[in-house]
Amino acid sequence: STLLSQLGFSETDMIVSYPGEFVR
């Protein structure tokens, strides 16, 4: 919950993440 707040997310957000690279 602390990290959620630090990154600006709310508890109700559905978070989709891409752990890749910007260009490659």
PDBML (XML) file of the C-alpha atoms, coordinates in Angstrom:
<?xml version="1.0" encoding="UTF-8" ?>
<PDBx:datablock datablockName="MODEL"
   xmlns:PDBx="http://pdbml.pdb.org/schema/pdbx-v50.xsd"
   xmlns:xsi="http://www.w3.org/2001/XMLSchema-instance"
   xsi:schemaLocation="http://pdbml.pdb.org/schema/pdbx-v50.xsd pdbx-v50.xsd">
   <PDBx:atom_siteCategory>
      <PDBx:atom_site id="1">
         <PDBx:B_iso_or_equiv>0.00</PDBx:B_iso_or_equiv>
         <PDBx:Cartn_x>0.000</PDBx:Cartn_x>
         <PDBx:Cartn_y>0.000</PDBx:Cartn_y>
         <PDBx:Cartn_z>0.000</PDBx:Cartn_z>
         <PDBx:auth_asym_id>A</PDBx:auth_asym_id>
         <PDBx:auth_atom_id>CA</PDBx:auth_atom_id>
         <PDBx:auth_comp_id>SER</PDBx:auth_comp_id>
         <PDBx:auth_seq_id>1</PDBx:auth_seq_id>
         <PDBx:group_PDB>ATOM</PDBx:group_PDB>
         <PDBx:label_alt_id xsi:nil="true" />
         <PDBx:label_asym_id>A</PDBx:label_asym_id>
         <PDBx:label_atom_id>CA</PDBx:label_atom_id>
         <PDBx:label_comp_id>SER</PDBx:label_comp_id>
         <PDBx:label_entity_id>1</PDBx:label_entity_id>
         <PDBx:label_seq_id>1</PDBx:label_seq_id>
         <PDBx:occupancy>1.00</PDBx:occupancy>
         <PDBx:pdbx_PDB_model_num>1</PDBx:pdbx_PDB_model_num>
         <PDBx:type_symbol>C</PDBx:type_symbol>
      </PDBx:atom_site>
      <PDBx:atom_site id="2">
         <PDBx:B_iso_or_equiv>0.00</PDBx:B_iso_or_equiv>
         <PDBx:Cartn_x>2.897</PDBx:Cartn_x>
         <PDBx:Cartn_y>2.361</PDBx:Cartn_y>
         <PDBx:Cartn_z>0.692</PDBx:Cartn_z>
         <PDBx:auth_asym_id>A</PDBx:auth_asym_id>
         <PDBx:auth_atom_id>CA</PDBx:auth_atom_id>
         <PDBx:auth_comp_id>THR</PDBx:auth_comp_id>
         <PDBx:auth_seq_id>2</PDBx:auth_seq_id>
         <PDBx:group_PDB>ATOM</PDBx:group_PDB>
         <PDBx:label_alt_id xsi:nil="true" />
         <PDBx:label_asym_id>A</PDBx:label_asym_id>
         <PDBx:label_atom_id>CA</PDBx:label_atom_id>
         <PDBx:label_comp_id>THR</PDBx:label_comp_id>
         <PDBx:label_entity_id>1</PDBx:label_entity_id>
         <PDBx:label_seq_id>2</PDBx:label_seq_id>
         <PDBx:occupancy>1.00</PDBx:occupancy>
         <PDBx:pdbx_PDB_model_num>1</PDBx:pdbx_PDB_model_num>
         <PDBx:type_symbol>C</PDBx:type_symbol>
      </PDBx:atom_site>
      <PDBx:atom_site id="3">
         <PDBx:B_iso_or_equiv>0.00</PDBx:B_iso_or_equiv>
         <PDBx:Cartn_x>4.379</PDBx:Cartn_x>
         <PDBx:Cartn_y>1.707</PDBx:Cartn_y>
         <PDBx:Cartn_z>-2.741</PDBx:Cartn_z>
         <PDBx:auth_asym_id>A</PDBx:auth_asym_id>
         <PDBx:auth_atom_id>CA</PDBx:auth_atom_id>
         <PDBx:auth_comp_id>LEU</PDBx:auth_comp_id>
         <PDBx:auth_seq_id>3</PDBx:auth_seq_id>
         <PDBx:group_PDB>ATOM</PDBx:group_PDB>
         <PDBx:label_alt_id xsi:nil="true" />
         <PDBx:label_asym_id>A</PDBx:label_asym_id>
         <PDBx:label_atom_id>CA</PDBx:label_atom_id>
         <PDBx:label_comp_id>LEU</PDBx:label_comp_id>
         <PDBx:label_entity_id>1</PDBx:label_entity_id>
         <PDBx:label_seq_id>3</PDBx:label_seq_id>
         <PDBx:occupancy>1.00</PDBx:occupancy>
         <PDBx:pdbx_PDB_model_num>1</PDBx:pdbx_PDB_model_num>
         <PDBx:type_symbol>C</PDBx:type_symbol>
      </PDBx:atom_site>
      <PDBx:atom_site id="4">
         <PDBx:B_iso_or_equiv>0.00</PDBx:B_iso_or_equiv>
         <PDBx:Cartn_x>0.957</PDBx:Cartn_x>
         <PDBx:Cartn_y>2.149</PDBx:Cartn_y>
         <PDBx:Cartn_z>-4.338</PDBx:Cartn_z>
         <PDBx:auth_asym_id>A</PDBx:auth_asym_id>
         <PDBx:auth_atom_id>CA</PDBx:auth_atom_id>
         <PDBx:auth_comp_id>LEU</PDBx:auth_comp_id>
         <PDBx:auth_seq_id>4</PDBx:auth_seq_id>
         <PDBx:group_PDB>ATOM</PDBx:group_PDB>
         <PDBx:label_alt_id xsi:nil="true" />
         <PDBx:label_asym_id>A</PDBx:label_asym_id>
         <PDBx:label_atom_id>CA</PDBx:label_atom_id>
         <PDBx:label_comp_id>LEU</PDBx:label_comp_id>
         <PDBx:label_entity_id>1</PDBx:label_entity_id>
         <PDBx:label_seq_id>4</PDBx:label_seq_id>
         <PDBx:occupancy>1.00</PDBx:occupancy>
         <PDBx:pdbx_PDB_model_num>1</PDBx:pdbx_PDB_model_num>
         <PDBx:type_symbol>C</PDBx:type_symbol>
      </PDBx:atom_site>
      <PDBx:atom_site id="5">
         <PDBx:B_iso_or_equiv>0.00</PDBx:B_iso_or_equiv>
         <PDBx:Cartn_x>0.701</PDBx:Cartn_x>
         <PDBx:Cartn_y>5.579</PDBx:Cartn_y>
         <PDBx:Cartn_z>-2.768</PDBx:Cartn_z>
         <PDBx:auth_asym_id>A</PDBx:auth_asym_id>
         <PDBx:auth_atom_id>CA</PDBx:auth_atom_id>
         <PDBx:auth_comp_id>SER</PDBx:auth_comp_id>
         <PDBx:auth_seq_id>5</PDBx:auth_seq_id>
         <PDBx:group_PDB>ATOM</PDBx:group_PDB>
         <PDBx:label_alt_id xsi:nil="true" />
         <PDBx:label_asym_id>A</PDBx:label_asym_id>
         <PDBx:label_atom_id>CA</PDBx:label_atom_id>
         <PDBx:label_comp_id>SER</PDBx:label_comp_id>
         <PDBx:label_entity_id>1</PDBx:label_entity_id>
         <PDBx:label_seq_id>5</PDBx:label_seq_id>
         <PDBx:occupancy>1.00</PDBx:occupancy>
         <PDBx:pdbx_PDB_model_num>1</PDBx:pdbx_PDB_model_num>
         <PDBx:type_symbol>C</PDBx:type_symbol>
      </PDBx:atom_site>
      <PDBx:atom_site id="6">
         <PDBx:B_iso_or_equiv>0.00</PDBx:B_iso_or_equiv>
         <PDBx:Cartn_x>4.292</PDBx:Cartn_x>
         <PDBx:Cartn_y>6.536</PDBx:Cartn_y>
         <PDBx:Cartn_z>-3.621</PDBx:Cartn_z>
         <PDBx:auth_asym_id>A</PDBx:auth_asym_id>
         <PDBx:auth_atom_id>CA</PDBx:auth_atom_id>
         <PDBx:auth_comp_id>GLN</PDBx:auth_comp_id>
         <PDBx:auth_seq_id>6</PDBx:auth_seq_id>
         <PDBx:group_PDB>ATOM</PDBx:group_PDB>
         <PDBx:label_alt_id xsi:nil="true" />
         <PDBx:label_asym_id>A</PDBx:label_asym_id>
         <PDBx:label_atom_id>CA</PDBx:label_atom_id>
         <PDBx:label_comp_id>GLN</PDBx:label_comp_id>
         <PDBx:label_entity_id>1</PDBx:label_entity_id>
         <PDBx:label_seq_id>6</PDBx:label_seq_id>
         <PDBx:occupancy>1.00</PDBx:occupancy>
         <PDBx:pdbx_PDB_model_num>1</PDBx:pdbx_PDB_model_num>
         <PDBx:type_symbol>C</PDBx:type_symbol>
      </PDBx:atom_site>
      <PDBx:atom_site id="7">
         <PDBx:B_iso_or_equiv>0.00</PDBx:B_iso_or_equiv>
         <PDBx:Cartn_x>3.704</PDBx:Cartn_x>
         <PDBx:Cartn_y>5.752</PDBx:Cartn_y>
         <PDBx:Cartn_z>-7.285</PDBx:Cartn_z>
         <PDBx:auth_asym_id>A</PDBx:auth_asym_id>
         <PDBx:auth_atom_id>CA</PDBx:auth_atom_id>
         <PDBx:auth_comp_id>LEU</PDBx:auth_comp_id>
         <PDBx:auth_seq_id>7</PDBx:auth_seq_id>
         <PDBx:group_PDB>ATOM</PDBx:group_PDB>
         <PDBx:label_alt_id xsi:nil="true" />
         <PDBx:label_asym_id>A</PDBx:label_asym_id>
         <PDBx:label_atom_id>CA</PDBx:label_atom_id>
         <PDBx:label_comp_id>LEU</PDBx:label_comp_id>
         <PDBx:label_entity_id>1</PDBx:label_entity_id>
         <PDBx:label_seq_id>7</PDBx:label_seq_id>
         <PDBx:occupancy>1.00</PDBx:occupancy>
         <PDBx:pdbx_PDB_model_num>1</PDBx:pdbx_PDB_model_num>
         <PDBx:type_symbol>C</PDBx:type_symbol>
      </PDBx:atom_site>
      <PDBx:atom_site id="8">
         <PDBx:B_iso_or_equiv>0.00</PDBx:B_iso_or_equiv>
         <PDBx:Cartn_x>0.363</PDBx:Cartn_x>
         <PDBx:Cartn_y>7.540</PDBx:Cartn_y>
         <PDBx:Cartn_z>-7.369</PDBx:Cartn_z>
         <PDBx:auth_asym_id>A</PDBx:auth_asym_id>
         <PDBx:auth_atom_id>CA</PDBx:auth_atom_id>
         <PDBx:auth_comp_id>GLY</PDBx:auth_comp_id>
         <PDBx:auth_seq_id>8</PDBx:auth_seq_id>
         <PDBx:group_PDB>ATOM</PDBx:group_PDB>
         <PDBx:label_alt_id xsi:nil="true" />
         <PDBx:label_asym_id>A</PDBx:label_asym_id>
         <PDBx:label_atom_id>CA</PDBx:label_atom_id>
         <PDBx:label_comp_id>GLY</PDBx:label_comp_id>
         <PDBx:label_entity_id>1</PDBx:label_entity_id>
         <PDBx:label_seq_id>8</PDBx:label_seq_id>
         <PDBx:occupancy>1.00</PDBx:occupancy>
         <PDBx:pdbx_PDB_model_num>1</PDBx:pdbx_PDB_model_num>
         <PDBx:type_symbol>C</PDBx:type_symbol>
      </PDBx:atom_site>
      <PDBx:atom_site id="9">
         <PDBx:B_iso_or_equiv>0.00</PDBx:B_iso_or_equiv>
         <PDBx:Cartn_x>-1.926</PDBx:Cartn_x>
         <PDBx:Cartn_y>4.509</PDBx:Cartn_y>
         <PDBx:Cartn_z>-7.686</PDBx:Cartn_z>
         <PDBx:auth_asym_id>A</PDBx:auth_asym_id>
         <PDBx:auth_atom_id>CA</PDBx:auth_atom_id>
         <PDBx:auth_comp_id>PHE</PDBx:auth_comp_id>
         <PDBx:auth_seq_id>9</PDBx:auth_seq_id>
         <PDBx:group_PDB>ATOM</PDBx:group_PDB>
         <PDBx:label_alt_id xsi:nil="true" />
         <PDBx:label_asym_id>A</PDBx:label_asym_id>
         <PDBx:label_atom_id>CA</PDBx:label_atom_id>
         <PDBx:label_comp_id>PHE</PDBx:label_comp_id>
         <PDBx:label_entity_id>1</PDBx:label_entity_id>
         <PDBx:label_seq_id>9</PDBx:label_seq_id>
         <PDBx:occupancy>1.00</PDBx:occupancy>
         <PDBx:pdbx_PDB_model_num>1</PDBx:pdbx_PDB_model_num>
         <PDBx:type_symbol>C</PDBx:type_symbol>
      </PDBx:atom_site>
      <PDBx:atom_site id="10">
         <PDBx:B_iso_or_equiv>0.00</PDBx:B_iso_or_equiv>
         <PDBx:Cartn_x>-5.136</PDBx:Cartn_x>
         <PDBx:Cartn_y>3.939</PDBx:Cartn_y>
         <PDBx:Cartn_z>-5.751</PDBx:Cartn_z>
         <PDBx:auth_asym_id>A</PDBx:auth_asym_id>
         <PDBx:auth_atom_id>CA</PDBx:auth_atom_id>
         <PDBx:auth_comp_id>SER</PDBx:auth_comp_id>
         <PDBx:auth_seq_id>10</PDBx:auth_seq_id>
         <PDBx:group_PDB>ATOM</PDBx:group_PDB>
         <PDBx:label_alt_id xsi:nil="true" />
         <PDBx:label_asym_id>A</PDBx:label_asym_id>
         <PDBx:label_atom_id>CA</PDBx:label_atom_id>
         <PDBx:label_comp_id>SER</PDBx:label_comp_id>
         <PDBx:label_entity_id>1</PDBx:label_entity_id>
         <PDBx:label_seq_id>10</PDBx:label_seq_id>
         <PDBx:occupancy>1.00</PDBx:occupancy>
         <PDBx:pdbx_PDB_model_num>1</PDBx:pdbx_PDB_model_num>
         <PDBx:type_symbol>C</PDBx:type_symbol>
      </PDBx:atom_site>
      <PDBx:atom_site id="11">
         <PDBx:B_iso_or_equiv>0.00</PDBx:B_iso_or_equiv>
         <PDBx:Cartn_x>-6.312</PDBx:Cartn_x>
         <PDBx:Cartn_y>0.697</PDBx:Cartn_y>
         <PDBx:Cartn_z>-4.149</PDBx:Cartn_z>
         <PDBx:auth_asym_id>A</PDBx:auth_asym_id>
         <PDBx:auth_atom_id>CA</PDBx:auth_atom_id>
         <PDBx:auth_comp_id>GLU</PDBx:auth_comp_id>
         <PDBx:auth_seq_id>11</PDBx:auth_seq_id>
         <PDBx:group_PDB>ATOM</PDBx:group_PDB>
         <PDBx:label_alt_id xsi:nil="true" />
         <PDBx:label_asym_id>A</PDBx:label_asym_id>
         <PDBx:label_atom_id>CA</PDBx:label_atom_id>
         <PDBx:label_comp_id>GLU</PDBx:label_comp_id>
         <PDBx:label_entity_id>1</PDBx:label_entity_id>
         <PDBx:label_seq_id>11</PDBx:label_seq_id>
         <PDBx:occupancy>1.00</PDBx:occupancy>
         <PDBx:pdbx_PDB_model_num>1</PDBx:pdbx_PDB_model_num>
         <PDBx:type_symbol>C</PDBx:type_symbol>
      </PDBx:atom_site>
      <PDBx:atom_site id="12">
         <PDBx:B_iso_or_equiv>0.00</PDBx:B_iso_or_equiv>
         <PDBx:Cartn_x>-9.040</PDBx:Cartn_x>
         <PDBx:Cartn_y>0.350</PDBx:Cartn_y>
         <PDBx:Cartn_z>-6.807</PDBx:Cartn_z>
         <PDBx:auth_asym_id>A</PDBx:auth_asym_id>
         <PDBx:auth_atom_id>CA</PDBx:auth_atom_id>
         <PDBx:auth_comp_id>THR</PDBx:auth_comp_id>
         <PDBx:auth_seq_id>12</PDBx:auth_seq_id>
         <PDBx:group_PDB>ATOM</PDBx:group_PDB>
         <PDBx:label_alt_id xsi:nil="true" />
         <PDBx:label_asym_id>A</PDBx:label_asym_id>
         <PDBx:label_atom_id>CA</PDBx:label_atom_id>
         <PDBx:label_comp_id>THR</PDBx:label_comp_id>
         <PDBx:label_entity_id>1</PDBx:label_entity_id>
         <PDBx:label_seq_id>12</PDBx:label_seq_id>
         <PDBx:occupancy>1.00</PDBx:occupancy>
         <PDBx:pdbx_PDB_model_num>1</PDBx:pdbx_PDB_model_num>
         <PDBx:type_symbol>C</PDBx:type_symbol>
      </PDBx:atom_site>
      <PDBx:atom_site id="13">
         <PDBx:B_iso_or_equiv>0.00</PDBx:B_iso_or_equiv>
         <PDBx:Cartn_x>-6.762</PDBx:Cartn_x>
         <PDBx:Cartn_y>0.723</PDBx:Cartn_y>
         <PDBx:Cartn_z>-9.836</PDBx:Cartn_z>
         <PDBx:auth_asym_id>A</PDBx:auth_asym_id>
         <PDBx:auth_atom_id>CA</PDBx:auth_atom_id>
         <PDBx:auth_comp_id>ASP</PDBx:auth_comp_id>
         <PDBx:auth_seq_id>13</PDBx:auth_seq_id>
         <PDBx:group_PDB>ATOM</PDBx:group_PDB>
         <PDBx:label_alt_id xsi:nil="true" />
         <PDBx:label_asym_id>A</PDBx:label_asym_id>
         <PDBx:label_atom_id>CA</PDBx:label_atom_id>
         <PDBx:label_comp_id>ASP</PDBx:label_comp_id>
         <PDBx:label_entity_id>1</PDBx:label_entity_id>
         <PDBx:label_seq_id>13</PDBx:label_seq_id>
         <PDBx:occupancy>1.00</PDBx:occupancy>
         <PDBx:pdbx_PDB_model_num>1</PDBx:pdbx_PDB_model_num>
         <PDBx:type_symbol>C</PDBx:type_symbol>
      </PDBx:atom_site>
      <PDBx:atom_site id="14">
         <PDBx:B_iso_or_equiv>0.00</PDBx:B_iso_or_equiv>
         <PDBx:Cartn_x>-6.292</PDBx:Cartn_x>
         <PDBx:Cartn_y>-2.247</PDBx:Cartn_y>
         <PDBx:Cartn_z>-12.155</PDBx:Cartn_z>
         <PDBx:auth_asym_id>A</PDBx:auth_asym_id>
         <PDBx:auth_atom_id>CA</PDBx:auth_atom_id>
         <PDBx:auth_comp_id>MET</PDBx:auth_comp_id>
         <PDBx:auth_seq_id>14</PDBx:auth_seq_id>
         <PDBx:group_PDB>ATOM</PDBx:group_PDB>
         <PDBx:label_alt_id xsi:nil="true" />
         <PDBx:label_asym_id>A</PDBx:label_asym_id>
         <PDBx:label_atom_id>CA</PDBx:label_atom_id>
         <PDBx:label_comp_id>MET</PDBx:label_comp_id>
         <PDBx:label_entity_id>1</PDBx:label_entity_id>
         <PDBx:label_seq_id>14</PDBx:label_seq_id>
         <PDBx:occupancy>1.00</PDBx:occupancy>
         <PDBx:pdbx_PDB_model_num>1</PDBx:pdbx_PDB_model_num>
         <PDBx:type_symbol>C</PDBx:type_symbol>
      </PDBx:atom_site>
      <PDBx:atom_site id="15">
         <PDBx:B_iso_or_equiv>0.00</PDBx:B_iso_or_equiv>
         <PDBx:Cartn_x>-2.537</PDBx:Cartn_x>
         <PDBx:Cartn_y>-2.113</PDBx:Cartn_y>
         <PDBx:Cartn_z>-12.812</PDBx:Cartn_z>
         <PDBx:auth_asym_id>A</PDBx:auth_asym_id>
         <PDBx:auth_atom_id>CA</PDBx:auth_atom_id>
         <PDBx:auth_comp_id>ILE</PDBx:auth_comp_id>
         <PDBx:auth_seq_id>15</PDBx:auth_seq_id>
         <PDBx:group_PDB>ATOM</PDBx:group_PDB>
         <PDBx:label_alt_id xsi:nil="true" />
         <PDBx:label_asym_id>A</PDBx:label_asym_id>
         <PDBx:label_atom_id>CA</PDBx:label_atom_id>
         <PDBx:label_comp_id>ILE</PDBx:label_comp_id>
         <PDBx:label_entity_id>1</PDBx:label_entity_id>
         <PDBx:label_seq_id>15</PDBx:label_seq_id>
         <PDBx:occupancy>1.00</PDBx:occupancy>
         <PDBx:pdbx_PDB_model_num>1</PDBx:pdbx_PDB_model_num>
         <PDBx:type_symbol>C</PDBx:type_symbol>
      </PDBx:atom_site>
      <PDBx:atom_site id="16">
         <PDBx:B_iso_or_equiv>0.00</PDBx:B_iso_or_equiv>
         <PDBx:Cartn_x>-1.083</PDBx:Cartn_x>
         <PDBx:Cartn_y>-3.487</PDBx:Cartn_y>
         <PDBx:Cartn_z>-16.046</PDBx:Cartn_z>
         <PDBx:auth_asym_id>A</PDBx:auth_asym_id>
         <PDBx:auth_atom_id>CA</PDBx:auth_atom_id>
         <PDBx:auth_comp_id>VAL</PDBx:auth_comp_id>
         <PDBx:auth_seq_id>16</PDBx:auth_seq_id>
         <PDBx:group_PDB>ATOM</PDBx:group_PDB>
         <PDBx:label_alt_id xsi:nil="true" />
         <PDBx:label_asym_id>A</PDBx:label_asym_id>
         <PDBx:label_atom_id>CA</PDBx:label_atom_id>
         <PDBx:label_comp_id>VAL</PDBx:label_comp_id>
         <PDBx:label_entity_id>1</PDBx:label_entity_id>
         <PDBx:label_seq_id>16</PDBx:label_seq_id>
         <PDBx:occupancy>1.00</PDBx:occupancy>
         <PDBx:pdbx_PDB_model_num>1</PDBx:pdbx_PDB_model_num>
         <PDBx:type_symbol>C</PDBx:type_symbol>
      </PDBx:atom_site>
      <PDBx:atom_site id="17">
         <PDBx:B_iso_or_equiv>0.00</PDBx:B_iso_or_equiv>
         <PDBx:Cartn_x>2.719</PDBx:Cartn_x>
         <PDBx:Cartn_y>-3.639</PDBx:Cartn_y>
         <PDBx:Cartn_z>-16.119</PDBx:Cartn_z>
         <PDBx:auth_asym_id>A</PDBx:auth_asym_id>
         <PDBx:auth_atom_id>CA</PDBx:auth_atom_id>
         <PDBx:auth_comp_id>SER</PDBx:auth_comp_id>
         <PDBx:auth_seq_id>17</PDBx:auth_seq_id>
         <PDBx:group_PDB>ATOM</PDBx:group_PDB>
         <PDBx:label_alt_id xsi:nil="true" />
         <PDBx:label_asym_id>A</PDBx:label_asym_id>
         <PDBx:label_atom_id>CA</PDBx:label_atom_id>
         <PDBx:label_comp_id>SER</PDBx:label_comp_id>
         <PDBx:label_entity_id>1</PDBx:label_entity_id>
         <PDBx:label_seq_id>17</PDBx:label_seq_id>
         <PDBx:occupancy>1.00</PDBx:occupancy>
         <PDBx:pdbx_PDB_model_num>1</PDBx:pdbx_PDB_model_num>
         <PDBx:type_symbol>C</PDBx:type_symbol>
      </PDBx:atom_site>
      <PDBx:atom_site id="18">
         <PDBx:B_iso_or_equiv>0.00</PDBx:B_iso_or_equiv>
         <PDBx:Cartn_x>5.272</PDBx:Cartn_x>
         <PDBx:Cartn_y>-4.005</PDBx:Cartn_y>
         <PDBx:Cartn_z>-18.896</PDBx:Cartn_z>
         <PDBx:auth_asym_id>A</PDBx:auth_asym_id>
         <PDBx:auth_atom_id>CA</PDBx:auth_atom_id>
         <PDBx:auth_comp_id>TYR</PDBx:auth_comp_id>
         <PDBx:auth_seq_id>18</PDBx:auth_seq_id>
         <PDBx:group_PDB>ATOM</PDBx:group_PDB>
         <PDBx:label_alt_id xsi:nil="true" />
         <PDBx:label_asym_id>A</PDBx:label_asym_id>
         <PDBx:label_atom_id>CA</PDBx:label_atom_id>
         <PDBx:label_comp_id>TYR</PDBx:label_comp_id>
         <PDBx:label_entity_id>1</PDBx:label_entity_id>
         <PDBx:label_seq_id>18</PDBx:label_seq_id>
         <PDBx:occupancy>1.00</PDBx:occupancy>
         <PDBx:pdbx_PDB_model_num>1</PDBx:pdbx_PDB_model_num>
         <PDBx:type_symbol>C</PDBx:type_symbol>
      </PDBx:atom_site>
      <PDBx:atom_site id="19">
         <PDBx:B_iso_or_equiv>0.00</PDBx:B_iso_or_equiv>
         <PDBx:Cartn_x>8.718</PDBx:Cartn_x>
         <PDBx:Cartn_y>-4.998</PDBx:Cartn_y>
         <PDBx:Cartn_z>-17.507</PDBx:Cartn_z>
         <PDBx:auth_asym_id>A</PDBx:auth_asym_id>
         <PDBx:auth_atom_id>CA</PDBx:auth_atom_id>
         <PDBx:auth_comp_id>PRO</PDBx:auth_comp_id>
         <PDBx:auth_seq_id>19</PDBx:auth_seq_id>
         <PDBx:group_PDB>ATOM</PDBx:group_PDB>
         <PDBx:label_alt_id xsi:nil="true" />
         <PDBx:label_asym_id>A</PDBx:label_asym_id>
         <PDBx:label_atom_id>CA</PDBx:label_atom_id>
         <PDBx:label_comp_id>PRO</PDBx:label_comp_id>
         <PDBx:label_entity_id>1</PDBx:label_entity_id>
         <PDBx:label_seq_id>19</PDBx:label_seq_id>
         <PDBx:occupancy>1.00</PDBx:occupancy>
         <PDBx:pdbx_PDB_model_num>1</PDBx:pdbx_PDB_model_num>
         <PDBx:type_symbol>C</PDBx:type_symbol>
      </PDBx:atom_site>
      <PDBx:atom_site id="20">
         <PDBx:B_iso_or_equiv>0.00</PDBx:B_iso_or_equiv>
         <PDBx:Cartn_x>10.510</PDBx:Cartn_x>
         <PDBx:Cartn_y>-4.641</PDBx:Cartn_y>
         <PDBx:Cartn_z>-20.822</PDBx:Cartn_z>
         <PDBx:auth_asym_id>A</PDBx:auth_asym_id>
         <PDBx:auth_atom_id>CA</PDBx:auth_atom_id>
         <PDBx:auth_comp_id>GLY</PDBx:auth_comp_id>
         <PDBx:auth_seq_id>20</PDBx:auth_seq_id>
         <PDBx:group_PDB>ATOM</PDBx:group_PDB>
         <PDBx:label_alt_id xsi:nil="true" />
         <PDBx:label_asym_id>A</PDBx:label_asym_id>
         <PDBx:label_atom_id>CA</PDBx:label_atom_id>
         <PDBx:label_comp_id>GLY</PDBx:label_comp_id>
         <PDBx:label_entity_id>1</PDBx:label_entity_id>
         <PDBx:label_seq_id>20</PDBx:label_seq_id>
         <PDBx:occupancy>1.00</PDBx:occupancy>
         <PDBx:pdbx_PDB_model_num>1</PDBx:pdbx_PDB_model_num>
         <PDBx:type_symbol>C</PDBx:type_symbol>
      </PDBx:atom_site>
      <PDBx:atom_site id="21">
         <PDBx:B_iso_or_equiv>0.00</PDBx:B_iso_or_equiv>
         <PDBx:Cartn_x>12.539</PDBx:Cartn_x>
         <PDBx:Cartn_y>-1.986</PDBx:Cartn_y>
         <PDBx:Cartn_z>-22.613</PDBx:Cartn_z>
         <PDBx:auth_asym_id>A</PDBx:auth_asym_id>
         <PDBx:auth_atom_id>CA</PDBx:auth_atom_id>
         <PDBx:auth_comp_id>GLU</PDBx:auth_comp_id>
         <PDBx:auth_seq_id>21</PDBx:auth_seq_id>
         <PDBx:group_PDB>ATOM</PDBx:group_PDB>
         <PDBx:label_alt_id xsi:nil="true" />
         <PDBx:label_asym_id>A</PDBx:label_asym_id>
         <PDBx:label_atom_id>CA</PDBx:label_atom_id>
         <PDBx:label_comp_id>GLU</PDBx:label_comp_id>
         <PDBx:label_entity_id>1</PDBx:label_entity_id>
         <PDBx:label_seq_id>21</PDBx:label_seq_id>
         <PDBx:occupancy>1.00</PDBx:occupancy>
         <PDBx:pdbx_PDB_model_num>1</PDBx:pdbx_PDB_model_num>
         <PDBx:type_symbol>C</PDBx:type_symbol>
      </PDBx:atom_site>
      <PDBx:atom_site id="22">
         <PDBx:B_iso_or_equiv>0.00</PDBx:B_iso_or_equiv>
         <PDBx:Cartn_x>11.702</PDBx:Cartn_x>
         <PDBx:Cartn_y>1.358</PDBx:Cartn_y>
         <PDBx:Cartn_z>-24.173</PDBx:Cartn_z>
         <PDBx:auth_asym_id>A</PDBx:auth_asym_id>
         <PDBx:auth_atom_id>CA</PDBx:auth_atom_id>
         <PDBx:auth_comp_id>PHE</PDBx:auth_comp_id>
         <PDBx:auth_seq_id>22</PDBx:auth_seq_id>
         <PDBx:group_PDB>ATOM</PDBx:group_PDB>
         <PDBx:label_alt_id xsi:nil="true" />
         <PDBx:label_asym_id>A</PDBx:label_asym_id>
         <PDBx:label_atom_id>CA</PDBx:label_atom_id>
         <PDBx:label_comp_id>PHE</PDBx:label_comp_id>
         <PDBx:label_entity_id>1</PDBx:label_entity_id>
         <PDBx:label_seq_id>22</PDBx:label_seq_id>
         <PDBx:occupancy>1.00</PDBx:occupancy>
         <PDBx:pdbx_PDB_model_num>1</PDBx:pdbx_PDB_model_num>
         <PDBx:type_symbol>C</PDBx:type_symbol>
      </PDBx:atom_site>
      <PDBx:atom_site id="23">
         <PDBx:B_iso_or_equiv>0.00</PDBx:B_iso_or_equiv>
         <PDBx:Cartn_x>13.345</PDBx:Cartn_x>
         <PDBx:Cartn_y>0.880</PDBx:Cartn_y>
         <PDBx:Cartn_z>-27.574</PDBx:Cartn_z>
         <PDBx:auth_asym_id>A</PDBx:auth_asym_id>
         <PDBx:auth_atom_id>CA</PDBx:auth_atom_id>
         <PDBx:auth_comp_id>VAL</PDBx:auth_comp_id>
         <PDBx:auth_seq_id>23</PDBx:auth_seq_id>
         <PDBx:group_PDB>ATOM</PDBx:group_PDB>
         <PDBx:label_alt_id xsi:nil="true" />
         <PDBx:label_asym_id>A</PDBx:label_asym_id>
         <PDBx:label_atom_id>CA</PDBx:label_atom_id>
         <PDBx:label_comp_id>VAL</PDBx:label_comp_id>
         <PDBx:label_entity_id>1</PDBx:label_entity_id>
         <PDBx:label_seq_id>23</PDBx:label_seq_id>
         <PDBx:occupancy>1.00</PDBx:occupancy>
         <PDBx:pdbx_PDB_model_num>1</PDBx:pdbx_PDB_model_num>
         <PDBx:type_symbol>C</PDBx:type_symbol>
      </PDBx:atom_site>
      <PDBx:atom_site id="24">
         <PDBx:B_iso_or_equiv>0.00</PDBx:B_iso_or_equiv>
         <PDBx:Cartn_x>14.415</PDBx:Cartn_x>
         <PDBx:Cartn_y>-2.731</PDBx:Cartn_y>
         <PDBx:Cartn_z>-27.970</PDBx:Cartn_z>
         <PDBx:auth_asym_id>A</PDBx:auth_asym_id>
         <PDBx:auth_atom_id>CA</PDBx:auth_atom_id>
         <PDBx:auth_comp_id>ARG</PDBx:auth_comp_id>
         <PDBx:auth_seq_id>24</PDBx:auth_seq_id>
         <PDBx:group_PDB>ATOM</PDBx:group_PDB>
         <PDBx:label_alt_id xsi:nil="true" />
         <PDBx:label_asym_id>A</PDBx:label_asym_id>
         <PDBx:label_atom_id>CA</PDBx:label_atom_id>
         <PDBx:label_comp_id>ARG</PDBx:label_comp_id>
         <PDBx:label_entity_id>1</PDBx:label_entity_id>
         <PDBx:label_seq_id>24</PDBx:label_seq_id>
         <PDBx:occupancy>1.00</PDBx:occupancy>
         <PDBx:pdbx_PDB_model_num>1</PDBx:pdbx_PDB_model_num>
         <PDBx:type_symbol>C</PDBx:type_symbol>
      </PDBx:atom_site>
   </PDBx:atom_siteCategory>
</PDBx:datablock>
